[in-house]
PDB file of N, CA and C in Angstrom:
ATOM      1  N   MET A   1     113.175  75.439  67.435  1.00  0.00           N
ATOM      2  CA  MET A   1     112.109  76.226  67.913  1.00  0.00           C
ATOM      3  C   MET A   1     111.361  77.021  66.832  1.00  0.00           C
ATOM      4  N   SER A   2     110.170  77.246  67.076  1.00  0.00           N
ATOM      5  CA  SER A   2     109.195  77.911  66.037  1.00  0.00           C
ATOM      6  C   SER A   2     109.624  79.458  66.132  1.00  0.00           C
ATOM      7  N   PRO A   3     109.381  80.142  64.974  1.00  0.00           N
ATOM      8  CA  PRO A   3     109.585  81.524  64.992  1.00  0.00           C
ATOM      9  C   PRO A   3     108.757  82.317  66.012  1.00  0.00           C
ATOM     10  N   GLU A   4     107.524  81.795  66.207  1.00  0.00           N
ATOM     11  CA  GLU A   4     106.635  82.492  67.184  1.00  0.00           C
ATOM     12  C   GLU A   4     107.204  82.516  68.635  1.00  0.00           C
ATOM     13  N   LEU A   5     107.889  81.349  68.932  1.00  0.00           N
ATOM     14  CA  LEU A   5     108.463  81.275  70.308  1.00  0.00           C
ATOM     15  C   LEU A   5     109.624  82.172  70.416  1.00  0.00           C
ATOM     16  N   TRP A   6     110.435  82.240  69.315  1.00  0.00           N
ATOM     17  CA  TRP A   6     111.657  83.183  69.349  1.00  0.00           C
ATOM     18  C   TRP A   6     111.092  84.644  69.405  1.00  0.00           C
ATOM     19  N   VAL A   7     109.987  85.065  68.778  1.00  0.00           N
ATOM     20  CA  VAL A   7     109.493  86.287  68.883  1.00  0.00           C
ATOM     21  C   VAL A   7     109.083  86.611  70.323  1.00  0.00           C
ATOM     22  N   GLY A   8     108.371  85.722  70.859  1.00  0.00           N
ATOM     23  CA  GLY A   8     107.945  85.792  72.237  1.00  0.00           C
ATOM     24  C   GLY A   8     109.003  86.022  73.228  1.00  0.00           C
ATOM     25  N   LEU A   9     110.113  85.226  73.106  1.00  0.00           N
ATOM     26  CA  LEU A   9     111.199  85.282  73.939  1.00  0.00           C
ATOM     27  C   LEU A   9     112.035  86.679  73.761  1.00  0.00           C
ATOM     28  N   VAL A  10     112.089  87.138  72.525  1.00  0.00           N
ATOM     29  CA  VAL A  10     112.746  88.410  72.292  1.00  0.00           C
ATOM     30  C   VAL A  10     111.862  89.461  72.889  1.00  0.00           C
ATOM     31  N   ALA A  11     110.577  89.406  72.889  1.00  0.00           N
ATOM     32  CA  ALA A  11     109.671  90.495  73.420  1.00  0.00           C
ATOM     33  C   ALA A  11     109.876  90.441  74.949  1.00  0.00           C
ATOM     34  N   VAL A  12     110.000  89.285  75.577  1.00  0.00           N
ATOM     35  CA  VAL A  12     110.218  89.202  77.017  1.00  0.00           C
ATOM     36  C   VAL A  12     111.668  89.860  77.308  1.00  0.00           C
ATOM     37  N   LEU A  13     112.653  89.574  76.592  1.00  0.00           N
ATOM     38  CA  LEU A  13     113.959  90.088  76.872  1.00  0.00           C
ATOM     39  C   LEU A  13     113.983  91.706  76.651  1.00  0.00           C
ATOM     40  N   VAL A  14     113.292  92.165  75.593  1.00  0.00           N
ATOM     41  CA  VAL A  14     113.323  93.566  75.348  1.00  0.00           C
ATOM     42  C   VAL A  14     112.464  94.339  76.355  1.00  0.00           C
ATOM     43  N   SER A  15     111.277  93.854  76.746  1.00  0.00           N
ATOM     44  CA  SER A  15     110.375  94.471  77.721  1.00  0.00           C
ATOM     45  C   SER A  15     110.930  94.359  79.147  1.00  0.00           C
ATOM     46  N   GLY A  16     111.568  93.301  79.481  1.00  0.00           N
ATOM     47  CA  GLY A  16     112.138  93.155  80.772  1.00  0.00           C
ATOM     48  C   GLY A  16     111.218  93.488  81.934  1.00  0.00           C
ATOM     49  N   GLY A  17     111.449  94.581  82.593  1.00  0.00           N
ATOM     50  CA  GLY A  17     110.647  94.902  83.746  1.00  0.00           C
ATOM     51  C   GLY A  17     109.242  95.282  83.384  1.00  0.00           C
ATOM     52  N   ALA A  18     108.944  95.675  82.152  1.00  0.00           N
ATOM     53  CA  ALA A  18     107.554  96.021  81.821  1.00  0.00           C
ATOM     54  C   ALA A  18     106.579  94.906  82.012  1.00  0.00           C
ATOM     55  N   ILE A  19     106.988  93.626  81.804  1.00  0.00           N
ATOM     56  CA  ILE A  19     106.188  92.528  82.047  1.00  0.00           C
ATOM     57  C   ILE A  19     106.083  92.202  83.534  1.00  0.00           C
ATOM     58  N   GLY A  20     106.975  92.542  84.297  1.00  0.00           N
ATOM     59  CA  GLY A  20     107.061  92.349  85.721  1.00  0.00           C
ATOM     60  C   GLY A  20     108.096  91.461  86.154  1.00  0.00           C
ATOM     61  N   SER A  21     108.090  91.030  87.365  1.00  0.00           N
ATOM     62  CA  SER A  21     109.219  90.240  87.928  1.00  0.00           C
ATOM     63  C   SER A  21     109.420  88.809  87.192  1.00  0.00           C
ATOM     64  N   ALA A  22     108.163  88.284  86.822  1.00  0.00           N
ATOM     65  CA  ALA A  22     108.402  87.060  86.095  1.00  0.00           C
ATOM     66  C   ALA A  22     109.022  87.226  84.770  1.00  0.00           C
ATOM     67  N   GLY A  23     108.796  88.305  84.086  1.00  0.00           N
ATOM     68  CA  GLY A  23     109.420  88.475  82.733  1.00  0.00           C
ATOM     69  C   GLY A  23     110.975  88.844  83.016  1.00  0.00           C
ATOM     70  N   THR A  24     111.334  89.599  84.088  1.00  0.00           N
ATOM     71  CA  THR A  24     112.692  89.749  84.423  1.00  0.00           C
ATOM     72  C   THR A  24     113.413  88.522  84.733  1.00  0.00           C
ATOM     73  N   LEU A  25     112.798  87.700  85.542  1.00  0.00           N
ATOM     74  CA  LEU A  25     113.422  86.366  85.954  1.00  0.00           C
ATOM     75  C   LEU A  25     113.588  85.542  84.741  1.00  0.00           C
ATOM     76  N   LEU A  26     112.583  85.478  83.797  1.00  0.00           N
ATOM     77  CA  LEU A  26     112.681  84.670  82.601  1.00  0.00           C
ATOM     78  C   LEU A  26     113.880  85.176  81.729  1.00  0.00           C
ATOM     79  N   ALA A  27     113.977  86.555  81.592  1.00  0.00           N
ATOM     80  CA  ALA A  27     115.033  87.183  80.780  1.00  0.00           C
ATOM     81  C   ALA A  27     116.396  86.856  81.410  1.00  0.00           C
ATOM     82  N   GLN A  28     116.571  86.841  82.704  1.00  0.00           N
ATOM     83  CA  GLN A  28     117.775  86.524  83.335  1.00  0.00           C
ATOM     84  C   GLN A  28     118.155  85.076  83.113  1.00  0.00           C
ATOM     85  N   TRP A  29     117.160  84.199  83.211  1.00  0.00           N
ATOM     86  CA  TRP A  29     117.394  82.717  83.023  1.00  0.00           C
ATOM     87  C   TRP A  29     117.834  82.494  81.609  1.00  0.00           C
ATOM     88  N   LEU A  30     117.162  83.133  80.665  1.00  0.00           N
ATOM     89  CA  LEU A  30     117.458  82.869  79.192  1.00  0.00           C
ATOM     90  C   LEU A  30     118.991  83.417  78.993  1.00  0.00           C
ATOM     91  N   VAL A  31     119.324  84.546  79.505  1.00  0.00           N
ATOM     92  CA  VAL A  31     120.625  85.065  79.241  1.00  0.00           C
ATOM     93  C   VAL A  31     121.714  84.097  79.863  1.00  0.00           C
ATOM     94  N   LYS A  32     121.516  83.529  81.062  1.00  0.00           N
ATOM     95  CA  LYS A  32     122.430  82.717  81.620  1.00  0.00           C
ATOM     96  C   LYS A  32     122.496  81.369  80.759  1.00  0.00           C
ATOM     97  N   LYS A  33     121.384  80.873  80.313  1.00  0.00           N
ATOM     98  CA  LYS A  33     121.421  79.673  79.440  1.00  0.00           C
ATOM     99  C   LYS A  33     122.173  79.826  78.143  1.00  0.00           C
ATOM    100  N   VAL A  34     122.018  81.075  77.511  1.00  0.00           N
ATOM    101  CA  VAL A  34     122.661  81.368  76.270  1.00  0.00           C
ATOM    102  C   VAL A  34     124.127  81.648  76.564  1.00  0.00           C
ATOM    103  N   ASP A  35     124.485  82.183  77.634  1.00  0.00           N
ATOM    104  CA  ASP A  35     125.965  82.494  77.925  1.00  0.00           C
ATOM    105  C   ASP A  35     126.629  81.221  78.120  1.00  0.00           C
ATOM    106  N   GLY A  36     126.063  80.304  79.067  1.00  0.00           N
ATOM    107  CA  GLY A  36     126.662  79.035  79.276  1.00  0.00           C
ATOM    108  C   GLY A  36     127.805  78.967  80.216  1.00  0.00           C
ATOM    109  N   SER A  37     128.803  79.823  80.056  1.00  0.00           N
ATOM    110  CA  SER A  37     130.016  79.694  80.902  1.00  0.00           C
ATOM    111  C   SER A  37     129.813  80.608  82.109  1.00  0.00           C
ATOM    112  N   PRO A  38     130.103  80.001  83.345  1.00  0.00           N
ATOM    113  CA  PRO A  38     130.043  80.935  84.515  1.00  0.00           C
ATOM    114  C   PRO A  38     131.218  81.792  84.530  1.00  0.00           C
ATOM    115  N   ALA A  39     130.936  82.995  85.188  1.00  0.00           N
ATOM    116  CA  ALA A  39     132.091  83.996  85.196  1.00  0.00           C
ATOM    117  C   ALA A  39     133.018  83.501  86.298  1.00  0.00           C
ATOM    118  N   PRO A  40     134.255  83.570  86.063  1.00  0.00           N
ATOM    119  CA  PRO A  40     135.318  83.245  87.050  1.00  0.00           C
ATOM    120  C   PRO A  40     135.322  84.138  88.297  1.00  0.00           C
ATOM    121  N   ARG A  41     135.451  83.506  89.331  1.00  0.00           N
ATOM    122  CA  ARG A  41     135.399  84.361  90.618  1.00  0.00           C
ATOM    123  C   ARG A  41     136.767  85.023  90.805  1.00  0.00           C
ATOM    124  N   PRO A  42     136.746  86.203  91.117  1.00  0.00           N
ATOM    125  CA  PRO A  42     138.006  86.913  91.328  1.00  0.00           C
ATOM    126  C   PRO A  42     138.692  86.466  92.645  1.00  0.00           C
ATOM    127  N   VAL A  43     140.018  86.371  92.547  1.00  0.00           N
ATOM    128  CA  VAL A  43     140.769  85.936  93.762  1.00  0.00           C
ATOM    129  C   VAL A  43     141.204  87.182  94.557  1.00  0.00           C
ATOM    130  N   LEU A  44     140.907  87.278  95.824  1.00  0.00           N
ATOM    131  CA  LEU A  44     141.122  88.400  96.604  1.00  0.00           C
ATOM    132  C   LEU A  44     142.478  88.190  97.294  1.00  0.00           C
ATOM    133  N   GLU A  45     143.264  89.200  97.494  1.00  0.00           N
ATOM    134  CA  GLU A  45     144.520  89.088  98.248  1.00  0.00           C
ATOM    135  C   GLU A  45     144.199  89.170  99.694  1.00  0.00           C
ATOM    136  N   ALA A  46     145.111  88.797 100.564  1.00  0.00           N
ATOM    137  CA  ALA A  46     144.886  88.779 102.120  1.00  0.00           C
ATOM    138  C   ALA A  46     144.610  90.259 102.564  1.00  0.00           C
ATOM    139  N   ALA A  47     145.190  91.262 101.958  1.00  0.00           N
ATOM    140  CA  ALA A  47     144.958  92.539 102.455  1.00  0.00           C
ATOM    141  C   ALA A  47     143.480  92.965 102.131  1.00  0.00           C
ATOM    142  N   GLU A  48     143.064  92.631 100.926  1.00  0.00           N
ATOM    143  CA  GLU A  48     141.693  92.972 100.655  1.00  0.00           C
ATOM    144  C   GLU A  48     140.662  92.220 101.433  1.00  0.00           C
ATOM    145  N   VAL A  49     141.004  90.996 101.834  1.00  0.00           N
ATOM    146  CA  VAL A  49     140.075  90.228 102.677  1.00  0.00           C
ATOM    147  C   VAL A  49     140.090  90.838 104.025  1.00  0.00           C
ATOM    148  N   ASP A  50     141.180  91.362 104.511  1.00  0.00           N
ATOM    149  CA  ASP A  50     141.209  92.042 105.858  1.00  0.00           C
ATOM    150  C   ASP A  50     140.433  93.393 105.846  1.00  0.00           C
ATOM    151  N   VAL A  51     140.594  94.105 104.766  1.00  0.00           N
ATOM    152  CA  VAL A  51     139.780  95.400 104.637  1.00  0.00           C
ATOM    153  C   VAL A  51     138.248  95.106 104.584  1.00  0.00           C
ATOM    154  N   LEU A  52     137.826  94.008 103.861  1.00  0.00           N
ATOM    155  CA  LEU A  52     136.423  93.634 103.797  1.00  0.00           C
ATOM    156  C   LEU A  52     135.941  93.171 105.194  1.00  0.00           C
ATOM    157  N   ARG A  53     136.820  92.484 105.917  1.00  0.00           N
ATOM    158  CA  ARG A  53     136.377  91.968 107.243  1.00  0.00           C
ATOM    159  C   ARG A  53     136.294  93.082 108.191  1.00  0.00           C
ATOM    160  N   ALA A  54     137.179  94.163 108.103  1.00  0.00           N
ATOM    161  CA  ALA A  54     137.014  95.315 108.919  1.00  0.00           C
ATOM    162  C   ALA A  54     135.800  96.157 108.593  1.00  0.00           C
ATOM    163  N   GLU A  55     135.434  96.255 107.362  1.00  0.00           N
ATOM    164  CA  GLU A  55     134.271  96.912 106.995  1.00  0.00           C
ATOM    165  C   GLU A  55     132.964  96.198 107.535  1.00  0.00           C
ATOM    166  N   VAL A  56     132.963  94.851 107.319  1.00  0.00           N
ATOM    167  CA  VAL A  56     131.781  94.116 107.904  1.00  0.00           C
ATOM    168  C   VAL A  56     131.679  94.287 109.386  1.00  0.00           C
ATOM    169  N   GLU A  57     132.905  94.267 109.995  1.00  0.00           N
ATOM    170  CA  GLU A  57     132.770  94.440 111.462  1.00  0.00           C
ATOM    171  C   GLU A  57     132.186  95.787 111.905  1.00  0.00           C
ATOM    172  N   GLU A  58     132.579  96.904 111.119  1.00  0.00           N
ATOM    173  CA  GLU A  58     132.135  98.114 111.366  1.00  0.00           C
ATOM    174  C   GLU A  58     130.607  98.317 111.161  1.00  0.00           C
ATOM    175  N   ILE A  59     130.177  97.633 110.013  1.00  0.00           N
ATOM    176  CA  ILE A  59     128.740  97.638 109.784  1.00  0.00           C
ATOM    177  C   ILE A  59     127.980  96.872 110.892  1.00  0.00           C
ATOM    178  N   GLY A  60     128.533  95.768 111.385  1.00  0.00           N
ATOM    179  CA  GLY A  60     127.949  95.087 112.485  1.00  0.00           C
ATOM    180  C   GLY A  60     127.830  95.866 113.773  1.00  0.00           C
ATOM    181  N   ARG A  61     128.876  96.665 114.060  1.00  0.00           N
ATOM    182  CA  ARG A  61     128.785  97.564 115.277  1.00  0.00           C
ATOM    183  C   ARG A  61     127.729  98.650 115.063  1.00  0.00           C
ATOM    184  N   GLN A  62     127.687  99.272 113.840  1.00  0.00           N
ATOM    185  CA  GLN A  62     126.570 100.227 113.592  1.00  0.00           C
ATOM    186  C   GLN A  62     125.245  99.676 113.753  1.00  0.00           C
ATOM    187  N   MET A  63     125.037  98.418 113.193  1.00  0.00           N
ATOM    188  CA  MET A  63     123.714  97.711 113.338  1.00  0.00           C
ATOM    189  C   MET A  63     123.386  97.577 114.828  1.00  0.00           C
ATOM    190  N   ARG A  64     124.323  97.083 115.638  1.00  0.00           N
ATOM    191  CA  ARG A  64     124.051  96.864 117.000  1.00  0.00           C
ATOM    192  C   ARG A  64     123.642  98.214 117.709  1.00  0.00           C
ATOM    193  N   ASN A  65     124.254  99.249 117.318  1.00  0.00           N
ATOM    194  CA  ASN A  65     124.090 100.581 117.846  1.00  0.00           C
ATOM    195  C   ASN A  65     122.612 101.016 117.443  1.00  0.00           C
ATOM    196  N   LEU A  66     122.347 100.848 116.142  1.00  0.00           N
ATOM    197  CA  LEU A  66     120.955 101.200 115.744  1.00  0.00           C
ATOM    198  C   LEU A  66     119.813 100.370 116.357  1.00  0.00           C
ATOM    199  N   ASP A  67     120.212  99.049 116.686  1.00  0.00           N
ATOM    200  CA  ASP A  67     119.254  98.128 117.364  1.00  0.00           C
ATOM    201  C   ASP A  67     118.995  98.727 118.797  1.00  0.00           C
ATOM    202  N   ALA A  68     120.106  99.128 119.420  1.00  0.00           N
ATOM    203  CA  ALA A  68     120.016  99.613 120.803  1.00  0.00           C
ATOM    204  C   ALA A  68     119.092 100.955 120.820  1.00  0.00           C
ATOM    205  N   ARG A  69     119.361 101.793 119.827  1.00  0.00           N
ATOM    206  CA  ARG A  69     118.519 102.994 119.730  1.00  0.00           C
ATOM    207  C   ARG A  69     117.093 102.755 119.487  1.00  0.00           C
ATOM    208  N   LEU A  70     116.763 101.740 118.614  1.00  0.00           N
ATOM    209  CA  LEU A  70     115.372 101.395 118.347  1.00  0.00           C
ATOM    210  C   LEU A  70     114.775 100.859 119.526  1.00  0.00           C
ATOM    211  N   ASP A  71     115.468  99.920 120.299  1.00  0.00           N
ATOM    212  CA  ASP A  71     114.933  99.392 121.472  1.00  0.00           C
ATOM    213  C   ASP A  71     114.498 100.514 122.475  1.00  0.00           C
ATOM    214  N   PHE A  72     115.464 101.439 122.626  1.00  0.00           N
ATOM    215  CA  PHE A  72     115.265 102.561 123.563  1.00  0.00           C
ATOM    216  C   PHE A  72     114.031 103.313 123.185  1.00  0.00           C
ATOM    217  N   THR A  73     113.838 103.663 121.826  1.00  0.00           N
ATOM    218  CA  THR A  73     112.702 104.449 121.318  1.00  0.00           C
ATOM    219  C   THR A  73     111.464 103.729 121.505  1.00  0.00           C
ATOM    220  N   GLU A  74     111.435 102.363 121.339  1.00  0.00           N
ATOM    221  CA  GLU A  74     110.201 101.640 121.426  1.00  0.00           C
ATOM    222  C   GLU A  74     109.791 101.596 122.874  1.00  0.00           C
ATOM    223  N   ARG A  75     110.769 101.441 123.844  1.00  0.00           N
ATOM    224  CA  ARG A  75     110.393 101.446 125.326  1.00  0.00           C
ATOM    225  C   ARG A  75     110.010 102.805 125.689  1.00  0.00           C
ATOM    226  N   LEU A  76     110.563 103.894 125.190  1.00  0.00           N
ATOM    227  CA  LEU A  76     110.082 105.230 125.537  1.00  0.00           C
ATOM    228  C   LEU A  76     108.731 105.443 125.024  1.00  0.00           C
ATOM    229  N   LEU A  77     108.347 105.075 123.852  1.00  0.00           N
ATOM    230  CA  LEU A  77     107.102 105.311 123.251  1.00  0.00           C
ATOM    231  C   LEU A  77     106.058 104.395 123.870  1.00  0.00           C
ATOM    232  N   ASP A  78     106.444 103.316 124.421  1.00  0.00           N
ATOM    233  CA  ASP A  78     105.525 102.376 125.135  1.00  0.00           C
ATOM    234  C   ASP A  78     105.178 102.802 126.495  1.00  0.00           C
ATOM    235  N   GLY A  79     106.037 103.680 127.063  1.00  0.00           N
ATOM    236  CA  GLY A  79     105.832 104.108 128.411  1.00  0.00           C
ATOM    237  C   GLY A  79     106.555 103.419 129.482  1.00  0.00           C
ATOM    238  N   ALA A  80     107.485 102.482 128.977  1.00  0.00           N
ATOM    239  CA  ALA A  80     108.278 101.683 130.006  1.00  0.00           C
ATOM    240  C   ALA A  80     109.253 102.536 130.729  1.00  0.00           C
ATOM    241  N   LEU A  81     109.727 103.581 130.046  1.00  0.00           N
ATOM    242  CA  LEU A  81     110.755 104.469 130.709  1.00  0.00           C
ATOM    243  C   LEU A  81     110.109 105.574 131.403  1.00  0.00           C
ATOM    244  N   PRO A  82     110.359 105.808 132.606  1.00  0.00           N
ATOM    245  CA  PRO A  82     109.613 106.993 133.310  1.00  0.00           C
ATOM    246  C   PRO A  82     110.347 108.254 132.912  1.00  0.00           C
ATOM    247  N   LEU A  83     109.535 109.228 132.686  1.00  0.00           N
ATOM    248  CA  LEU A  83     110.008 110.573 132.349  1.00  0.00           C
ATOM    249  C   LEU A  83     109.625 111.542 133.469  1.00  0.00           C
ATOM    250  N   ALA A  84     110.380 112.550 133.667  1.00  0.00           N
ATOM    251  CA  ALA A  84     110.103 113.548 134.717  1.00  0.00           C
ATOM    252  C   ALA A  84     108.899 114.343 134.170  1.00  0.00           C
ATOM    253  N   PRO A  85     107.868 114.665 135.034  1.00  0.00           N
ATOM    254  CA  PRO A  85     106.743 115.343 134.685  1.00  0.00           C
ATOM    255  C   PRO A  85     107.150 116.831 134.145  1.00  0.00           C
ATOM    256  N   PRO A  86     106.343 117.379 133.360  1.00  0.00           N
ATOM    257  CA  PRO A  86     106.804 118.844 132.944  1.00  0.00           C
ATOM    258  C   PRO A  86     106.571 119.672 134.050  1.00  0.00           C
ATOM    259  N   PRO A  87     107.309 120.812 134.160  1.00  0.00           N
ATOM    260  CA  PRO A  87     107.086 121.748 135.276  1.00  0.00           C
ATOM    261  C   PRO A  87     105.723 122.399 135.075  1.00  0.00           C
ATOM    262  N   GLY A  88     105.249 122.823 136.234  1.00  0.00           N
ATOM    263  CA  GLY A  88     103.958 123.462 136.328  1.00  0.00           C
ATOM    264  C   GLY A  88     104.048 124.852 135.753  1.00  0.00           C
ATOM    265  N   ARG A  89     102.874 125.420 135.453  1.00  0.00           N
ATOM    266  CA  ARG A  89     102.680 126.697 134.825  1.00  0.00           C
ATOM    267  C   ARG A  89     102.949 127.717 135.831  1.00  0.00           C
ATOM    268  N   LEU A  90     103.565 128.844 135.353  1.00  0.00           N
ATOM    269  CA  LEU A  90     103.899 129.924 136.228  1.00  0.00           C
ATOM    270  C   LEU A  90     102.809 130.943 136.210  1.00  0.00           C
ATOM    271  N   ASP A  91     102.537 131.540 137.258  1.00  0.00           N
ATOM    272  CA  ASP A  91     101.587 132.681 137.294  1.00  0.00           C
ATOM    273  C   ASP A  91     102.222 133.846 136.738  1.00  0.00           C
ATOM    274  N   SER A  92     101.585 134.467 135.744  1.00  0.00           N
ATOM    275  CA  SER A  92     102.140 135.566 135.040  1.00  0.00           C
ATOM    276  C   SER A  92     102.312 136.868 135.999  1.00  0.00           C
ATOM    277  N   ALA A  93     101.372 137.133 136.891  1.00  0.00           N
ATOM    278  CA  ALA A  93     101.451 138.376 137.694  1.00  0.00           C
ATOM    279  C   ALA A  93     102.458 138.254 138.827  1.00  0.00           C
ATOM    280  N   SER A  94     102.545 137.079 139.438  1.00  0.00           N
ATOM    281  CA  SER A  94     103.504 136.939 140.538  1.00  0.00           C
ATOM    282  C   SER A  94     104.868 136.748 140.237  1.00  0.00           C
ATOM    283  N   ASP A  95     105.260 136.276 139.062  1.00  0.00           N
ATOM    284  CA  ASP A  95     106.616 135.960 138.680  1.00  0.00           C
ATOM    285  C   ASP A  95     107.337 137.217 138.188  1.00  0.00           C
ATOM    286  N   ILE A  96     106.709 138.219 137.737  1.00  0.00           N
ATOM    287  CA  ILE A  96     107.260 139.400 137.089  1.00  0.00           C
ATOM    288  C   ILE A  96     107.730 140.389 138.148  1.00  0.00           C
TER     289      ILE A  96
END
């Protein structure tokens, strides 16, 4: 490779996000090509897998709850849910 190309590649690596997403992606691609060896995947024990499954299940339950709340709010704002009319105004002289 020519020195000009190396200078350009180093500039992309150093500036990273300043060039934008294309520069960041190029920098990541170059780092992976230079590194060459993939990182070994960690082996999880059965207990760790169970904990992760429980956490994902809890997140799923929370997401369903949020989805139901959002549906209710959308129906309420759309006018599909009837609301009781507000009470009438009181006469100030007769109620005291």
